[in-house]
Amino acid sequence: MPETVVFNLGDAKVALVGFIFVCIVFPRIVRNKHAFYLAVLAILGGMFFQMLAAIIGGAGFGRVCTVLNIVLDMFALALLLMAAGGLSAGELAADIGRAFEVLRKGEQPEEQEVMPIQGQVRKSPANAAAARATDDEEGRTVYVIDDLPKPPKPEKPAEKDKDQGPIPLE
């Protein structure tokens, strides 16, 4: 008789199913219903593969079903994040990409001056903002338009004859 291999992945699934029940009790949490329902289907699909691994058995088939179960759980987690956050897949990918960029490089200020250009004096951070404000104002022309024509007043509608109405109300 072949050895049956079923891996216990209950911890992640318990958290995902618990969050699904919280979303059912508090429906205002869910901002993207399509992603929520897809996450529910992914959880049910993972349970189906876990059931198949237990019924059919076998080491190789059990591992394949476990891998499919894990992939569906990860997919469900991403879908629940999208559902609760109201994000699309592109927005979630962009947010995760920015998070990896911050982890890789660390938080950096907007302007980072490594070395001043030859002939220039390095500015202190307090004076740099004031210098940028004055540099921005030089050479700019600001046009102010105060002479806008006033819009015409709406015409009063012509009084209708009382006999022309479709249904008399009196």
Protein backbone atom coordinates (compact mmCIF):
# COMPACT_ATOMS: atom_id res chain seq x y z
CA MET A 1 0.00 0.00 0.00
CA PRO A 2 1.48 3.40 -0.99
CA GLU A 3 2.39 5.90 1.68
CA THR A 4 -0.07 8.79 1.98
CA VAL A 5 1.54 12.22 2.32
CA VAL A 6 -0.69 15.04 3.47
CA PHE A 7 0.95 18.19 4.77
CA ASN A 8 -0.73 20.23 7.47
CA LEU A 9 -1.07 23.82 6.30
CA GLY A 10 -3.88 24.73 8.67
CA ASP A 11 -2.37 27.88 10.19
CA ALA A 12 -2.42 30.00 7.04
CA LYS A 13 -5.80 28.70 5.96
CA VAL A 14 -7.32 29.39 9.39
CA ALA A 15 -6.17 33.02 9.19
CA LEU A 16 -7.51 33.43 5.65
CA VAL A 17 -10.88 31.83 6.45
CA GLY A 18 -11.09 33.91 9.65
CA PHE A 19 -10.55 37.09 7.65
CA ILE A 20 -13.23 35.98 5.18
CA PHE A 21 -15.68 35.57 8.07
CA VAL A 22 -14.73 39.01 9.41
CA CYS A 23 -15.46 40.45 5.96
CA ILE A 24 -18.82 38.72 5.94
CA VAL A 25 -19.72 40.12 9.37
CA PHE A 26 -18.42 43.62 8.50
CA PRO A 27 -19.09 44.01 4.75
CA ARG A 28 -17.82 47.61 4.72
CA ILE A 29 -14.28 46.22 4.93
CA VAL A 30 -14.59 44.81 1.41
CA ARG A 31 -14.02 47.49 -1.20
CA ASN A 32 -13.48 45.17 -4.19
CA LYS A 33 -16.13 42.44 -4.17
CA HIS A 34 -14.80 40.63 -7.25
CA ALA A 35 -11.42 40.08 -5.60
CA PHE A 36 -13.14 38.94 -2.41
CA TYR A 37 -15.20 36.29 -4.20
CA LEU A 38 -12.14 35.09 -6.14
CA ALA A 39 -10.29 34.74 -2.82
CA VAL A 40 -13.14 32.61 -1.46
CA LEU A 41 -12.92 30.40 -4.57
CA ALA A 42 -9.14 30.12 -4.18
CA ILE A 43 -9.54 29.00 -0.56
CA LEU A 44 -12.15 26.42 -1.58
CA GLY A 45 -9.85 25.23 -4.40
CA GLY A 46 -7.01 24.76 -1.93
CA MET A 47 -9.29 22.75 0.34
CA PHE A 48 -10.30 20.63 -2.67
CA PHE A 49 -6.66 19.81 -3.47
CA GLN A 50 -5.99 19.01 0.19
CA MET A 51 -8.98 16.65 0.11
CA LEU A 52 -7.73 14.97 -3.08
CA ALA A 53 -4.33 14.41 -1.51
CA ALA A 54 -5.95 12.72 1.48
CA ILE A 55 -8.30 10.56 -0.63
CA ILE A 56 -6.00 9.44 -3.44
CA GLY A 57 -2.79 9.31 -1.43
CA GLY A 58 0.67 8.70 -2.78
CA ALA A 59 3.80 10.69 -2.02
CA GLY A 60 4.14 12.36 -5.42
CA PHE A 61 0.49 13.22 -5.82
CA GLY A 62 0.33 14.51 -2.24
CA ARG A 63 3.25 16.86 -2.93
CA VAL A 64 1.66 18.16 -6.12
CA CYS A 65 -1.63 18.82 -4.33
CA THR A 66 0.25 20.52 -1.49
CA VAL A 67 2.06 22.82 -3.92
CA LEU A 68 -1.23 23.72 -5.60
CA ASN A 69 -2.77 24.33 -2.19
CA ILE A 70 0.07 26.70 -1.21
CA VAL A 71 -0.14 28.58 -4.52
CA LEU A 72 -3.90 29.02 -4.12
CA ASP A 73 -3.41 30.23 -0.52
CA MET A 74 -0.88 32.85 -1.69
CA PHE A 75 -3.25 33.88 -4.47
CA ALA A 76 -6.09 34.16 -1.93
CA LEU A 77 -3.93 36.30 0.38
CA ALA A 78 -3.12 38.70 -2.46
CA LEU A 79 -6.78 38.82 -3.47
CA LEU A 80 -7.90 39.56 0.09
CA LEU A 81 -5.35 42.40 0.27
CA MET A 82 -6.78 43.77 -2.96
CA ALA A 83 -10.35 43.33 -1.72
CA ALA A 84 -9.81 45.06 1.61
CA GLY A 85 -7.60 47.80 0.22
CA GLY A 86 -9.67 48.51 -2.86
CA LEU A 87 -6.60 48.01 -5.05
CA SER A 88 -6.27 46.68 -8.55
CA ALA A 89 -3.58 44.16 -9.42
CA GLY A 90 -1.42 46.88 -10.99
CA GLU A 91 -1.69 49.14 -7.96
CA LEU A 92 -0.80 46.27 -5.61
CA ALA A 93 2.20 45.35 -7.77
CA ALA A 94 3.35 49.00 -7.84
CA ASP A 95 3.03 49.29 -4.04
CA ILE A 96 4.98 46.08 -3.49
CA GLY A 97 7.62 47.25 -5.99
CA ARG A 98 8.02 50.54 -4.11
CA ALA A 99 8.29 48.64 -0.83
CA PHE A 100 11.09 46.46 -2.25
CA GLU A 101 12.84 49.58 -3.52
CA VAL A 102 12.70 51.16 -0.05
CA LEU A 103 13.97 47.93 1.53
CA ARG A 104 16.81 47.72 -0.97
CA LYS A 105 17.95 51.34 -0.90
CA GLY A 106 16.46 52.56 2.35
CA GLU A 107 14.52 55.77 2.84
CA GLN A 108 16.28 58.59 1.07
CA PRO A 109 15.45 62.27 0.99
CA GLU A 110 14.20 63.68 -2.31
CA GLU A 111 17.43 65.50 -3.10
CA GLN A 112 20.69 63.99 -2.05
CA GLU A 113 23.81 65.99 -2.75
CA VAL A 114 26.86 63.78 -2.70
CA MET A 115 29.45 66.32 -3.77
CA PRO A 116 29.01 69.94 -4.74
CA ILE A 117 29.81 70.84 -8.33
CA GLN A 118 33.22 72.43 -8.69
CA GLY A 119 33.05 76.14 -8.01
CA GLN A 120 29.86 75.96 -5.96
CA VAL A 121 29.62 76.16 -2.22
CA ARG A 122 27.68 73.45 -0.46
CA LYS A 123 24.41 74.77 0.96
CA SER A 124 23.12 73.82 4.37
CA PRO A 125 19.71 72.07 4.37
CA ALA A 126 18.02 75.07 6.06
CA ASN A 127 19.32 77.51 3.45
CA ALA A 128 18.71 75.14 0.54
CA ALA A 129 14.92 75.48 0.74
CA ALA A 130 15.15 79.29 0.81
CA ALA A 131 17.60 79.26 -2.11
CA ARG A 132 15.29 77.02 -4.15
CA ALA A 133 12.35 79.34 -3.49
CA THR A 134 14.26 82.40 -4.73
CA ASP A 135 15.70 80.49 -7.72
CA ASP A 136 12.22 79.45 -8.75
CA GLU A 137 10.90 83.03 -8.65
CA GLU A 138 13.69 84.53 -10.79
CA GLY A 139 12.96 84.67 -14.50
CA ARG A 140 9.29 83.81 -14.15
CA THR A 141 6.55 85.93 -15.59
CA VAL A 142 3.23 85.81 -13.83
CA TYR A 143 0.14 86.93 -15.71
CA VAL A 144 -2.87 87.99 -13.66
CA ILE A 145 -6.17 88.18 -15.46
CA ASP A 146 -8.78 90.20 -13.60
CA ASP A 147 -10.78 91.50 -16.56
CA LEU A 148 -12.84 88.43 -17.28
CA PRO A 149 -16.21 89.17 -18.86
CA LYS A 150 -19.15 88.39 -16.65
CA PRO A 151 -21.35 85.56 -17.88
CA PRO A 152 -24.73 86.64 -19.25
CA LYS A 153 -27.67 86.39 -16.92
CA PRO A 154 -30.03 83.54 -17.72
CA GLU A 155 -33.15 84.52 -19.53
CA LYS A 156 -36.46 84.07 -17.79
CA PRO A 157 -38.50 81.30 -19.36
CA ALA A 158 -41.56 82.41 -21.26
CA GLU A 159 -44.80 81.80 -19.45
CA LYS A 160 -46.71 78.89 -20.88
CA ASP A 161 -50.39 78.86 -21.53
CA LYS A 162 -52.30 76.94 -18.91
CA ASP A 163 -54.29 75.09 -21.52
CA GLN A 164 -51.27 73.54 -23.29
CA GLY A 165 -50.21 71.18 -20.48
CA PRO A 166 -50.52 67.43 -21.08
CA ILE A 167 -52.53 66.66 -17.93
CA PRO A 168 -54.58 69.28 -16.14
CA LEU A 169 -53.90 69.22 -12.42
CA GLU A 170 -56.93 71.25 -11.32
